[in-house]
Each structure stands twice: as C-alpha cells, then as structure tokens.
Amino acid sequence: MKKLMRRLSRVADSSHYTLLRSSRRSRTPKSRRSGGVPEGHLPVYVGDEMERFVVSAELLNHPIFINLLNKSAQEYGYEQKGVLRIPCHVLLFERVLEAMRLGEEASYLLRIWYAVTSVKSV
C-alpha cells in the first residue's frame, strides 16, 4: 500500500496533493518538526496514529477539507496548540486527497464527505 501511495503521489498533476509522510522509524516530536514543508503547503496530522501529510493550502477551501477542519474543531477545539490534527482514519484521508487530486465528480466526493462525517478514526 505504501509503494502504491508513493507512486500515486508522483502521477499526473500533483500540484495540489503530495504524500509526504514521516517514516515509521522517526516518530519523535523533534523529527516531526524538522521536516521541511514547501511554500504554499502545510503539514497535517491524521488519525490516532498522527500520520503526517503535507497538503496544498489551496485545499483548505475545498468543501470536504472544510468538513474535516470542522470535525477537528469539534474533536480538539479551536485552542489546540502546535500541529493541525484531523480526526479521520488515515486510509480514508488518503482516499479523500486522492479523489480531490483526480478531480472526481461531485457525487463521488459527496459520498466521501458523508463517510468522513459519519466515520471516526479507529
């Protein structure tokens, strides 16, 4: 699965989505903070595993991403310090990013949106 995700991150136009996860060997907070983030992007940490993703800031205006940010506010509040956490299962978050990158049609994205609102990270 990891190899597939790495290949998918290089396919076609990846201007809005790049999968940049920290390796499983370096899970310390210091190593998480030391990773560079390209200009116009921001790191988000997903699920209980705190998997690191670097996403384009442009995605913050996408309705599905807005929904994820609202879930984050409900789960963690607006006062959280440090990193932006998304309370969503990692595999579901990967699928959401991939669907947005590929420009999936609205009905498909809507189904994912409902899945995101009804499924909590395990």
Protein backbone atom coordinates (compact mmCIF):
# COMPACT_ATOMS: atom_id res chain seq x y z
CA MET A 1 0.00 0.00 0.00
CA LYS A 2 2.83 2.40 0.85
CA LYS A 3 4.52 1.78 -2.50
CA LEU A 4 1.23 2.39 -4.32
CA MET A 5 0.68 5.67 -2.46
CA ARG A 6 4.22 6.83 -3.28
CA ARG A 7 3.65 6.06 -6.96
CA LEU A 8 0.28 7.79 -6.94
CA SER A 9 1.82 10.91 -5.43
CA ARG A 10 4.07 11.20 -8.49
CA VAL A 11 1.40 10.52 -11.14
CA ALA A 12 -0.14 13.25 -13.30
CA ASP A 13 -0.57 16.75 -11.89
CA SER A 14 0.33 16.63 -8.24
CA SER A 15 0.28 20.39 -7.67
CA HIS A 16 -2.47 20.12 -5.05
CA TYR A 17 -1.52 16.86 -3.37
CA THR A 18 1.75 15.33 -2.37
CA LEU A 19 2.06 12.47 0.06
CA LEU A 20 5.00 13.31 2.31
CA ARG A 21 4.84 11.15 5.39
CA SER A 22 7.47 10.82 8.02
CA SER A 23 8.99 7.38 8.15
CA ARG A 24 7.83 4.96 10.80
CA ARG A 25 11.36 4.91 12.22
CA SER A 26 11.30 8.60 13.15
CA ARG A 27 8.22 9.09 15.30
CA THR A 28 9.62 11.55 17.81
CA PRO A 29 8.12 15.03 18.02
CA LYS A 30 11.50 16.60 17.23
CA SER A 31 11.83 14.65 13.98
CA ARG A 32 8.27 15.56 13.02
CA ARG A 33 9.01 19.25 13.37
CA SER A 34 12.31 19.07 11.50
CA GLY A 35 10.73 18.03 8.17
CA GLY A 36 10.61 20.81 5.60
CA VAL A 37 7.31 21.99 4.20
CA PRO A 38 7.20 23.51 0.69
CA GLU A 39 5.92 27.06 0.35
CA GLY A 40 2.13 27.16 -0.01
CA HIS A 41 1.70 23.87 1.85
CA LEU A 42 1.07 22.88 5.44
CA PRO A 43 1.53 19.74 7.48
CA VAL A 44 -1.50 18.00 8.96
CA TYR A 45 -1.50 15.02 11.28
CA VAL A 46 -4.21 12.45 10.71
CA GLY A 47 -5.86 9.89 12.96
CA ASP A 48 -4.77 8.41 16.23
CA GLU A 49 -1.53 7.36 14.50
CA MET A 50 -0.69 11.05 13.84
CA GLU A 51 0.39 10.25 10.27
CA ARG A 52 1.97 13.35 8.73
CA PHE A 53 0.71 14.68 5.40
CA VAL A 54 1.79 17.83 3.60
CA VAL A 55 -1.12 19.35 1.67
CA SER A 56 -1.54 22.41 -0.50
CA ALA A 57 -3.01 25.39 1.32
CA GLU A 58 -5.45 25.70 -1.61
CA LEU A 59 -7.20 22.56 -0.40
CA LEU A 60 -8.31 24.36 2.76
CA ASN A 61 -11.16 25.92 0.77
CA HIS A 62 -12.44 22.61 -0.61
CA PRO A 63 -15.83 21.65 0.94
CA ILE A 64 -14.59 18.22 2.04
CA PHE A 65 -11.49 19.69 3.65
CA ILE A 66 -13.62 22.34 5.36
CA ASN A 67 -15.71 19.49 6.74
CA LEU A 68 -12.56 17.79 8.05
CA LEU A 69 -11.45 21.04 9.69
CA ASN A 70 -14.88 21.38 11.33
CA LYS A 71 -14.53 17.81 12.67
CA SER A 72 -11.12 18.78 14.01
CA ALA A 73 -12.59 21.81 15.79
CA GLN A 74 -15.35 19.66 17.31
CA GLU A 75 -12.91 16.98 18.43
CA TYR A 76 -9.99 19.10 19.65
CA GLY A 77 -11.39 22.64 19.92
CA TYR A 78 -10.06 25.85 18.43
CA GLU A 79 -7.50 26.31 21.16
CA GLN A 80 -5.23 23.42 20.17
CA LYS A 81 -1.58 24.41 20.05
CA GLY A 82 1.04 23.22 17.63
CA VAL A 83 0.02 20.95 14.79
CA LEU A 84 -3.22 20.72 12.86
CA ARG A 85 -4.84 17.36 13.66
CA ILE A 86 -7.56 15.73 11.56
CA PRO A 87 -9.75 13.14 13.38
CA CYS A 88 -10.15 10.78 10.44
CA HIS A 89 -8.87 7.30 9.63
CA VAL A 90 -5.61 7.56 7.66
CA LEU A 91 -6.83 5.40 4.77
CA LEU A 92 -9.99 7.47 4.42
CA PHE A 93 -7.95 10.69 4.45
CA GLU A 94 -5.68 9.29 1.73
CA ARG A 95 -8.73 8.45 -0.39
CA VAL A 96 -10.18 11.94 0.11
CA LEU A 97 -6.91 13.56 -1.00
CA GLU A 98 -6.62 11.24 -3.98
CA ALA A 99 -10.21 11.94 -5.05
CA MET A 100 -9.63 15.70 -4.83
CA ARG A 101 -6.36 15.41 -6.75
CA LEU A 102 -8.00 13.40 -9.52
CA GLY A 103 -10.94 15.81 -9.72
CA GLU A 104 -13.53 13.13 -9.02
CA GLU A 105 -17.07 14.14 -9.88
CA ALA A 106 -19.18 15.88 -7.26
CA SER A 107 -21.43 12.90 -6.46
CA TYR A 108 -18.42 10.73 -5.61
CA LEU A 109 -16.89 13.45 -3.44
CA LEU A 110 -20.23 13.90 -1.71
CA ARG A 111 -20.28 10.19 -0.76
CA ILE A 112 -16.78 10.55 0.68
CA TRP A 113 -17.90 13.67 2.54
CA TYR A 114 -20.73 11.73 4.20
CA ALA A 115 -18.32 8.93 5.04
CA VAL A 116 -15.96 11.42 6.67
CA THR A 117 -18.75 12.91 8.76
CA SER A 118 -20.02 9.55 9.95
CA VAL A 119 -16.76 7.60 10.45
CA LYS A 120 -14.49 8.40 13.37
CA SER A 121 -10.85 7.45 13.47
CA VAL A 122 -10.26 3.99 14.96
